Protein backbone atom coordinates (compact mmCIF):
# COMPACT_ATOMS: atom_id res chain seq x y z
CA MET A 1 -43.06 31.36 10.12
CA HIS A 2 -43.52 29.61 6.88
CA LYS A 3 -46.52 27.57 6.11
CA LYS A 4 -45.93 24.47 4.12
CA THR A 5 -46.93 25.26 0.56
CA PHE A 6 -46.27 23.14 -2.46
CA ILE A 7 -46.47 24.50 -5.96
CA LEU A 8 -45.82 21.75 -8.40
CA PRO A 9 -45.01 22.55 -11.95
CA LEU A 10 -48.35 21.98 -13.64
CA THR A 11 -46.99 21.12 -17.05
CA LEU A 12 -47.65 17.47 -16.56
CA CYS A 13 -49.58 17.43 -13.21
CA LEU A 14 -41.03 38.86 8.28
CA PRO A 15 -33.42 45.56 11.85
CA PHE A 16 -29.98 46.98 16.83
CA ILE A 17 -22.51 63.45 30.15
CA LEU A 18 -11.65 81.62 47.13
CA PHE A 19 -10.18 84.49 47.84
CA GLY A 20 -9.54 84.81 51.73
CA CYS A 21 -8.78 87.82 54.03
CA THR A 22 -6.32 87.54 56.95
CA GLY A 23 -7.28 88.56 60.50
CA ASP A 24 -5.01 91.69 60.31
CA ASP A 25 -6.80 93.01 57.27
CA VAL A 26 -10.17 92.79 58.95
CA ALA A 27 -8.97 94.63 62.12
CA GLY A 28 -7.28 97.40 60.17
CA GLU A 29 -10.31 98.22 58.01
CA ASP A 30 -13.11 97.63 60.47
CA VAL A 31 -13.78 101.41 60.71
CA SER A 32 -15.12 101.65 57.16
CA GLY A 33 -18.01 99.29 57.78
CA SER A 34 -17.93 98.02 54.23
CA ASP A 35 -15.37 95.40 55.12
CA THR A 36 -17.55 94.22 57.97
CA THR A 37 -20.44 93.75 55.65
CA SER A 38 -18.19 91.98 53.23
CA ASP A 39 -17.02 89.55 55.93
CA SER A 40 -20.61 88.88 56.84
CA GLY A 41 -21.35 88.22 53.21
CA ASP A 42 -18.52 85.72 53.03
CA GLY A 43 -19.91 83.95 56.04
CA ASP A 44 -23.33 83.72 54.52
CA GLY A 45 -21.84 82.53 51.31
CA ASP A 46 -20.00 79.70 52.99
CA GLY A 47 -23.04 78.79 54.94
CA ASP A 48 -25.22 78.75 51.88
CA GLY A 49 -22.62 76.74 50.11
CA ASP A 50 -22.60 74.11 52.83
CA SER A 51 -26.34 74.04 52.79
CA GLY A 52 -26.22 73.68 49.03
CA ASP A 53 -23.87 70.74 49.37
CA GLY A 54 -26.27 69.22 51.81
CA ASP A 55 -29.09 69.55 49.33
CA GLY A 56 -26.86 67.98 46.75
CA ASP A 57 -26.39 64.86 48.81
CA PRO A 58 -30.09 64.02 48.93
CA GLY A 59 -30.17 64.77 45.23
CA ASP A 60 -27.46 62.20 44.66
CA GLY A 61 -29.48 59.77 46.63
CA ASP A 62 -32.47 60.37 44.35
CA GLY A 63 -30.20 59.84 41.40
CA ASP A 64 -29.16 56.46 42.69
CA SER A 65 -32.75 55.54 43.14
CA GLY A 66 -33.45 56.60 39.57
CA ASP A 67 -30.59 54.48 38.31
CA GLY A 68 -32.04 51.55 40.13
CA ASP A 69 -35.36 51.99 38.35
CA GLY A 70 -33.61 52.29 35.04
CA ASP A 71 -31.66 49.09 35.48
CA GLY A 72 -34.75 47.25 36.53
CA ASP A 73 -36.73 48.39 33.50
CA GLY A 74 -33.85 47.54 31.23
CA ASP A 75 -33.64 44.01 32.53
CA SER A 76 -37.36 43.55 32.04
CA GLY A 77 -37.07 44.82 28.50
CA ASP A 78 -34.34 42.32 27.70
CA GLY A 79 -36.47 39.53 29.01
CA ASP A 80 -39.41 40.50 26.82
CA GLY A 81 -37.19 40.73 23.79
CA ASP A 82 -35.80 37.26 24.28
CA THR A 83 -39.23 35.79 24.73
CA THR A 84 -40.69 36.96 21.44
CA GLY A 85 -37.78 38.02 19.28
CA ASP A 86 -35.82 34.80 19.09
CA GLY A 87 -38.72 32.65 18.07
CA ASP A 88 -39.80 34.86 15.18
CA GLY A 89 -36.32 35.85 14.02
CA ASP A 90 -35.10 32.25 13.74
CA ALA A 91 -38.13 30.87 11.87
CA GLY A 92 -37.52 29.48 8.40
CA TYR A 93 -38.67 26.88 5.89
CA CYS A 94 -37.26 23.61 4.63
CA ALA A 95 -35.76 23.33 1.15
CA MET A 96 -33.39 21.16 -0.84
CA GLY A 97 -29.74 21.79 -0.03
CA CYS A 98 -27.02 21.63 -2.68
CA GLU A 99 -23.37 22.14 -3.46
CA GLU A 100 -23.64 22.59 -7.23
CA ASP A 101 -26.34 23.16 -9.83
CA SER A 102 -26.56 19.52 -10.86
CA ASP A 103 -27.59 18.55 -7.32
CA CYS A 104 -30.90 20.26 -7.99
CA CYS A 105 -31.91 18.44 -11.17
CA PRO A 106 -34.90 16.09 -10.87
CA MET A 107 -33.96 12.45 -11.19
CA GLY A 108 -33.99 11.32 -14.79
CA SER A 109 -34.06 14.81 -16.27
CA LEU A 110 -32.18 15.42 -19.50
CA ASP A 111 -30.04 18.43 -20.35
CA CYS A 112 -30.11 19.59 -16.76
CA PRO A 113 -28.96 21.98 -15.53
CA SER A 114 -29.42 24.42 -18.39
CA ASP A 115 -30.71 27.89 -19.09
CA ASN A 116 -33.91 26.55 -20.59
CA TYR A 117 -37.17 25.75 -18.82
CA PRO A 118 -37.86 23.33 -17.16
CA ASN A 119 -34.19 22.45 -16.57
CA ASN A 120 -33.06 25.85 -15.37
CA TRP A 121 -32.20 24.75 -11.86
CA SER A 122 -29.32 26.33 -9.93
CA CYS A 123 -27.65 26.16 -6.53
CA SER A 124 -27.76 29.50 -4.73
CA ALA A 125 -24.93 31.07 -2.74
CA GLN A 126 -26.78 29.95 0.39
CA GLY A 127 -26.57 26.33 -0.75
CA VAL A 128 -30.25 25.98 -1.61
CA CYS A 129 -31.78 24.82 -4.89
CA GLU A 130 -33.59 27.47 -6.90
CA PHE A 131 -35.82 26.99 -9.93
CA GLY A 132 -35.63 29.61 -12.67
CA GLY A 133 -39.23 29.15 -13.81
CA CYS A 134 -40.72 29.91 -17.19
CA ALA A 135 -39.86 32.93 -19.31
CA ASN A 136 -43.07 33.14 -21.36
CA ASP A 137 -46.11 31.16 -22.48
CA ASP A 138 -44.05 29.35 -25.11
CA ASP A 139 -42.15 27.61 -22.30
CA CYS A 140 -45.43 26.13 -21.14
CA GLY A 141 -46.19 24.22 -24.32
CA GLY A 142 -46.11 20.47 -24.69
CA LEU A 143 -49.12 18.26 -24.02
CA LEU A 144 -51.09 21.02 -22.30
CA GLN A 145 -51.06 23.84 -24.82
CA SER A 146 -53.50 25.92 -22.75
CA GLN A 147 -50.98 26.53 -19.99
CA GLU A 148 -49.62 30.04 -19.48
CA CYS A 149 -46.67 31.55 -17.63
CA HIS A 150 -47.63 33.65 -14.60
CA PRO A 151 -45.70 34.58 -11.42
CA ILE A 152 -46.63 32.86 -8.17
CA GLY A 153 -44.68 34.15 -5.19
CA ASP A 154 -42.30 35.91 -7.62
CA LEU A 155 -41.59 32.60 -9.38
CA PRO A 156 -42.80 32.44 -13.02
CA THR A 157 -44.87 29.26 -13.17
CA CYS A 158 -46.72 27.35 -15.86
CA PHE A 159 -50.36 26.59 -15.17
CA GLU A 160 -53.74 26.48 -16.84
CA PRO A 161 -55.89 29.43 -15.69
CA CYS A 162 -59.32 28.64 -14.30
CA ALA A 163 -62.57 30.53 -13.86
CA ASN A 164 -64.38 28.22 -11.44
CA ASP A 165 -64.02 24.92 -9.60
CA ALA A 166 -65.42 22.97 -12.53
CA ASP A 167 -62.30 23.88 -14.50
CA CYS A 168 -60.27 21.90 -11.96
CA ALA A 169 -62.11 18.60 -12.43
CA LEU A 170 -59.05 17.01 -14.05
CA GLN A 171 -56.91 17.93 -11.06
CA PRO A 172 -58.46 16.03 -8.12
CA GLY A 173 -58.18 17.68 -4.72
CA THR A 174 -57.92 21.19 -6.17
CA THR A 175 -60.27 24.11 -6.51
CA CYS A 176 -60.05 27.34 -8.46
CA SER A 177 -58.68 29.10 -5.39
CA GLY A 178 -55.11 29.89 -6.36
CA VAL A 179 -54.32 33.48 -7.30
CA ALA A 180 -51.09 34.40 -9.08
CA ASP A 181 -49.21 37.64 -8.43
CA ASP A 182 -50.93 39.15 -11.48
CA ASP A 183 -54.39 38.09 -10.18
CA VAL A 184 -54.86 35.22 -12.63
CA LYS A 185 -56.59 32.29 -10.92
CA TYR A 186 -55.39 28.68 -11.05
CA CYS A 187 -56.30 25.30 -9.59
CA ALA A 188 -54.71 24.83 -6.18
CA PRO A 189 -54.98 22.18 -3.47
CA GLU A 190 -56.86 22.97 -0.29
CA PRO A 191 -54.69 24.66 2.36
CA ALA A 192 -53.03 22.21 4.71
CA PRO A 193 -54.83 21.96 8.06
CA ALA A 194 -53.25 23.64 11.07
CA CYS A 195 -50.60 21.43 12.63
CA GLU A 196 -51.08 20.14 16.17
CA GLY A 197 -47.70 18.46 16.54
CA ASP A 198 -44.39 18.00 14.72
CA ALA A 199 -45.61 14.84 13.03
CA ASP A 200 -48.20 16.87 11.15
CA CYS A 201 -45.38 18.71 9.35
CA GLY A 202 -44.25 15.55 7.57
CA GLY A 203 -40.57 16.33 7.92
CA TYR A 204 -40.95 19.87 6.64
CA GLY A 205 -40.07 21.47 9.96
CA ILE A 206 -41.60 21.52 13.42
CA CYS A 207 -45.02 22.70 14.53
CA ASN A 208 -45.82 26.03 16.11
CA VAL A 209 -48.96 24.90 17.91
CA GLU A 210 -50.06 28.47 18.65
CA SER A 211 -50.17 29.52 14.99
CA GLY A 212 -50.73 26.06 13.52
CA GLU A 213 -47.85 26.54 11.07
CA CYS A 214 -44.76 24.47 10.39
CA TYR A 215 -41.35 26.12 10.50
CA CYS A 216 -37.70 25.27 11.10
CA GLU A 217 -34.86 26.68 13.16
CA GLN A 218 -32.05 24.39 12.00
CA ASP A 219 -31.32 21.77 9.37
CA GLY A 220 -32.14 19.02 11.83
CA ASN A 221 -35.79 20.10 11.70
CA CYS A 222 -35.94 19.23 7.99
CA THR A 223 -36.14 15.49 7.40
CA ALA A 224 -38.40 15.22 4.34
CA GLU A 225 -36.93 13.82 1.14
CA GLY A 226 -35.70 16.70 -1.00
CA ALA A 227 -35.99 19.19 1.86
CA ASP A 228 -32.98 18.74 4.12
CA THR A 229 -31.94 22.38 4.65
CA CYS A 230 -33.51 25.07 6.84
CA VAL A 231 -33.63 28.44 5.09
CA LEU A 232 -33.96 31.17 7.72
CA ASN A 233 -36.04 34.22 6.80
């Protein structure tokens, strides 16, 4: 799931085992007695063997019953997996699709694409636009000299650090609630309210009513301008 989050450059603004005796032999050696005992032993052996085979048959029956239980449990397991696994595994977020780096440049930008901030846009191997971000505080100069370069979600971003909400007075609709990866605070807009329907996502996916978050499963779920591609997590 991916909640809709917008981080605008602030420079200007969830693993796939018988051996048998003939009748003559018995008659000829019956006097010894040992052969008689031996024949009796053979008889018992055969009898026990048959009885053993009989026991084996019920055992096979139990085995079949066990197999039945196993198949039943397996089918139930597959059902549970389909119910929860597919939804989570296919969730993604909407982004701008591209074929080449220049497709990612903001309209009217000069010297874009380039290796220099803020024109260091590129088209990834997945066909999605990626912003290189700032390299250091010097990249964040210009009109707002107090801006600094800090990582937000692993993306180096220019912003002016804040200490309290009063520091965000010049950025209406924001509070000093944003926290960069290095724990530096910045002015951020209030979190978007939980969605109740697809319309609440504004073209940035469809609504998961249970979690209140917007997500996408395919490109067709992404209809917002500049966000026409579903990036699966």
